[in-house]
Amino acid sequence: MPNKTVAQNRKARHDYFIFDTYECGIVLTGTEIKSVRAGNLNLKDSYASFEKGELWLTGVHISPYDKGTYYNHEPERDRKLLLHKRELIKLKNKIREKGLTLVPLAVYIKDGRRAKVELALARGKTAHDKRDAIADRDAKRDI
C-alpha cells in the first residue's frame, strides 16, 4: 500500500537548504490521528527540538476532530517524535556543532496505519540565497 501524503511544508524548501532527511514516528492521541487522516493539520512555522534527550515537534497545528467530545486534543501541543537512539544522538551532535535546525517537510500515513513525519536537517537561507534560487528557477523555466 503506498504512502498517503497528508500535509507538506512547501515553504521549508524555499526558506532552508536541505541536507538530509529522516523518517520519524509521531506520538498522537486518538482524536489527533483521526484528524490527521482527514488532512486537518498545518506544518507552517513548525520545527523539531531536543528536550531532555527526546525529540519534540513544536508548532504543528492539528485541528480538533469534528466528531470528538470533551476528550478532544489541544491543537498546538508539542508532540514527541520517535527515532532510534543512535539516530537521535547523531542528530543532536550535528545540530550542536554545525548550527543546523530540524524542519518537518511532510506528514504522511505509511502502509495505511502509522503517521510518519519527514524531518529535514536544514540551514536557513538568507534573502540573497532566496533571490538566487528564484532566478535559477525562472531561467530553467524559460529554457
Protein backbone atom coordinates (compact mmCIF):
# COMPACT_ATOMS: atom_id res chain seq x y z
CA MET A 1 0.00 0.00 0.00
CA PRO A 2 1.53 3.37 -0.97
CA ASN A 3 2.09 6.23 1.42
CA LYS A 4 -0.67 8.82 1.59
CA THR A 5 0.75 12.33 1.98
CA VAL A 6 -1.46 14.29 4.36
CA ALA A 7 0.40 17.62 4.55
CA GLN A 8 3.52 19.21 3.09
CA ASN A 9 5.61 22.15 4.21
CA ARG A 10 6.30 23.73 0.81
CA LYS A 11 7.75 26.86 2.36
CA ALA A 12 10.53 24.85 4.02
CA ARG A 13 12.28 24.13 0.71
CA HIS A 14 12.14 27.85 -0.08
CA ASP A 15 13.43 29.01 3.32
CA TYR A 16 16.08 26.34 4.02
CA PHE A 17 18.95 24.43 2.42
CA ILE A 18 18.03 20.76 2.94
CA PHE A 19 20.99 18.47 3.75
CA ASP A 20 19.49 15.21 4.98
CA THR A 21 16.04 13.75 5.68
CA TYR A 22 14.78 11.30 8.30
CA GLU A 23 11.54 9.38 8.71
CA CYS A 24 10.18 9.74 12.24
CA GLY A 25 7.23 8.25 14.00
CA ILE A 26 4.97 10.65 15.89
CA VAL A 27 3.08 10.05 19.14
CA LEU A 28 -0.57 11.05 18.66
CA THR A 29 -3.76 10.62 20.67
CA GLY A 30 -6.90 9.01 19.25
CA THR A 31 -8.60 12.19 18.10
CA GLU A 32 -5.33 13.55 16.70
CA ILE A 33 -4.77 10.59 14.38
CA LYS A 34 -8.37 10.81 13.15
CA SER A 35 -7.89 14.49 12.40
CA VAL A 36 -4.55 13.79 10.65
CA ARG A 37 -6.15 11.11 8.46
CA ALA A 38 -8.76 13.70 7.46
CA GLY A 39 -5.93 16.08 6.46
CA ASN A 40 -6.61 18.72 9.11
CA LEU A 41 -3.07 19.78 10.00
CA ASN A 42 -0.71 22.63 9.19
CA LEU A 43 3.12 22.43 9.24
CA LYS A 44 3.76 26.15 8.74
CA ASP A 45 6.30 27.61 11.21
CA SER A 46 6.94 24.23 12.82
CA TYR A 47 10.27 22.77 13.91
CA ALA A 48 11.76 19.95 15.96
CA SER A 49 13.98 20.38 19.01
CA PHE A 50 15.62 18.30 21.72
CA GLU A 51 14.39 18.46 25.31
CA LYS A 52 15.83 16.15 27.97
CA GLY A 53 17.26 13.79 25.36
CA GLU A 54 13.97 13.42 23.47
CA LEU A 55 12.94 14.90 20.13
CA TRP A 56 9.77 17.05 20.15
CA LEU A 57 7.79 18.57 17.29
CA THR A 58 6.66 22.13 18.03
CA GLY A 59 4.32 24.46 16.18
CA VAL A 60 2.26 21.88 14.27
CA HIS A 61 -1.44 22.72 14.31
CA ILE A 62 -3.74 19.68 14.25
CA SER A 63 -7.35 20.86 14.19
CA PRO A 64 -9.72 19.35 16.77
CA TYR A 65 -11.61 16.31 15.49
CA ASP A 66 -15.11 17.27 14.30
CA LYS A 67 -16.86 14.33 15.92
CA GLY A 68 -14.79 14.43 19.11
CA THR A 69 -16.15 15.05 22.58
CA TYR A 70 -14.62 16.87 25.50
CA TYR A 71 -11.71 14.41 25.21
CA ASN A 72 -10.52 16.30 22.11
CA HIS A 73 -6.84 17.22 21.95
CA GLU A 74 -5.08 20.58 22.29
CA PRO A 75 -4.39 21.81 18.71
CA GLU A 76 -0.92 23.36 19.29
CA ARG A 77 0.62 20.96 21.82
CA ASP A 78 4.16 19.63 21.43
CA ARG A 79 4.33 16.08 20.10
CA LYS A 80 7.06 13.52 20.70
CA LEU A 81 8.95 12.16 17.69
CA LEU A 82 10.24 8.59 17.59
CA LEU A 83 13.69 7.67 16.26
CA HIS A 84 16.29 5.07 17.13
CA LYS A 85 18.66 6.15 19.87
CA ARG A 86 21.70 6.15 17.58
CA GLU A 87 19.88 8.44 15.15
CA LEU A 88 18.89 10.79 17.99
CA ILE A 89 22.50 11.03 19.18
CA LYS A 90 23.76 11.64 15.63
CA LEU A 91 21.17 14.39 15.03
CA LYS A 92 21.85 16.05 18.36
CA ASN A 93 25.58 16.23 17.62
CA LYS A 94 25.04 17.63 14.11
CA ILE A 95 22.69 20.32 15.35
CA ARG A 96 25.03 21.34 18.16
CA GLU A 97 28.24 21.57 16.13
CA LYS A 98 27.07 22.89 12.77
CA GLY A 99 24.26 25.27 13.74
CA LEU A 100 21.63 23.36 11.78
CA THR A 101 17.93 23.00 12.54
CA LEU A 102 15.28 20.29 12.12
CA VAL A 103 12.29 21.19 9.97
CA PRO A 104 9.33 18.91 9.10
CA LEU A 105 8.82 18.59 5.34
CA ALA A 106 5.76 16.33 5.23
CA VAL A 107 3.37 14.21 7.26
CA TYR A 108 2.08 11.02 5.69
CA ILE A 109 0.29 7.80 6.56
CA LYS A 110 2.55 4.79 5.94
CA ASP A 111 1.04 1.43 4.99
CA GLY A 112 -2.42 2.72 5.87
CA ARG A 113 -1.63 2.53 9.59
CA ARG A 114 1.01 4.81 11.06
CA ALA A 115 1.54 8.56 10.85
CA LYS A 116 5.11 9.48 9.93
CA VAL A 117 6.94 12.81 9.71
CA GLU A 118 9.65 13.50 7.14
CA LEU A 119 12.15 15.58 9.09
CA ALA A 120 14.93 17.50 7.37
CA LEU A 121 18.30 18.62 8.66
CA ALA A 122 18.47 22.16 7.27
CA ARG A 123 20.21 25.55 7.37
CA GLY A 124 18.29 28.78 6.84
CA LYS A 125 18.67 30.74 3.60
CA THR A 126 19.38 34.45 3.52
CA ALA A 127 17.36 36.84 1.35
CA HIS A 128 20.18 36.78 -1.23
CA ASP A 129 20.09 32.98 -1.44
CA LYS A 130 16.32 33.05 -1.96
CA ARG A 131 16.66 35.56 -4.82
CA ASP A 132 19.29 33.36 -6.48
CA ALA A 133 17.02 30.31 -6.22
CA ILE A 134 14.12 32.22 -7.78
CA ALA A 135 16.36 33.48 -10.63
CA ASP A 136 17.64 29.93 -11.32
CA ARG A 137 14.09 28.55 -11.36
CA ASP A 138 12.95 31.28 -13.78
CA ALA A 139 15.93 30.61 -16.07
CA LYS A 140 15.15 26.90 -16.18
CA ARG A 141 11.52 27.61 -16.97
CA ASP A 142 12.50 29.97 -19.83
CA ILE A 143 14.78 27.32 -21.35
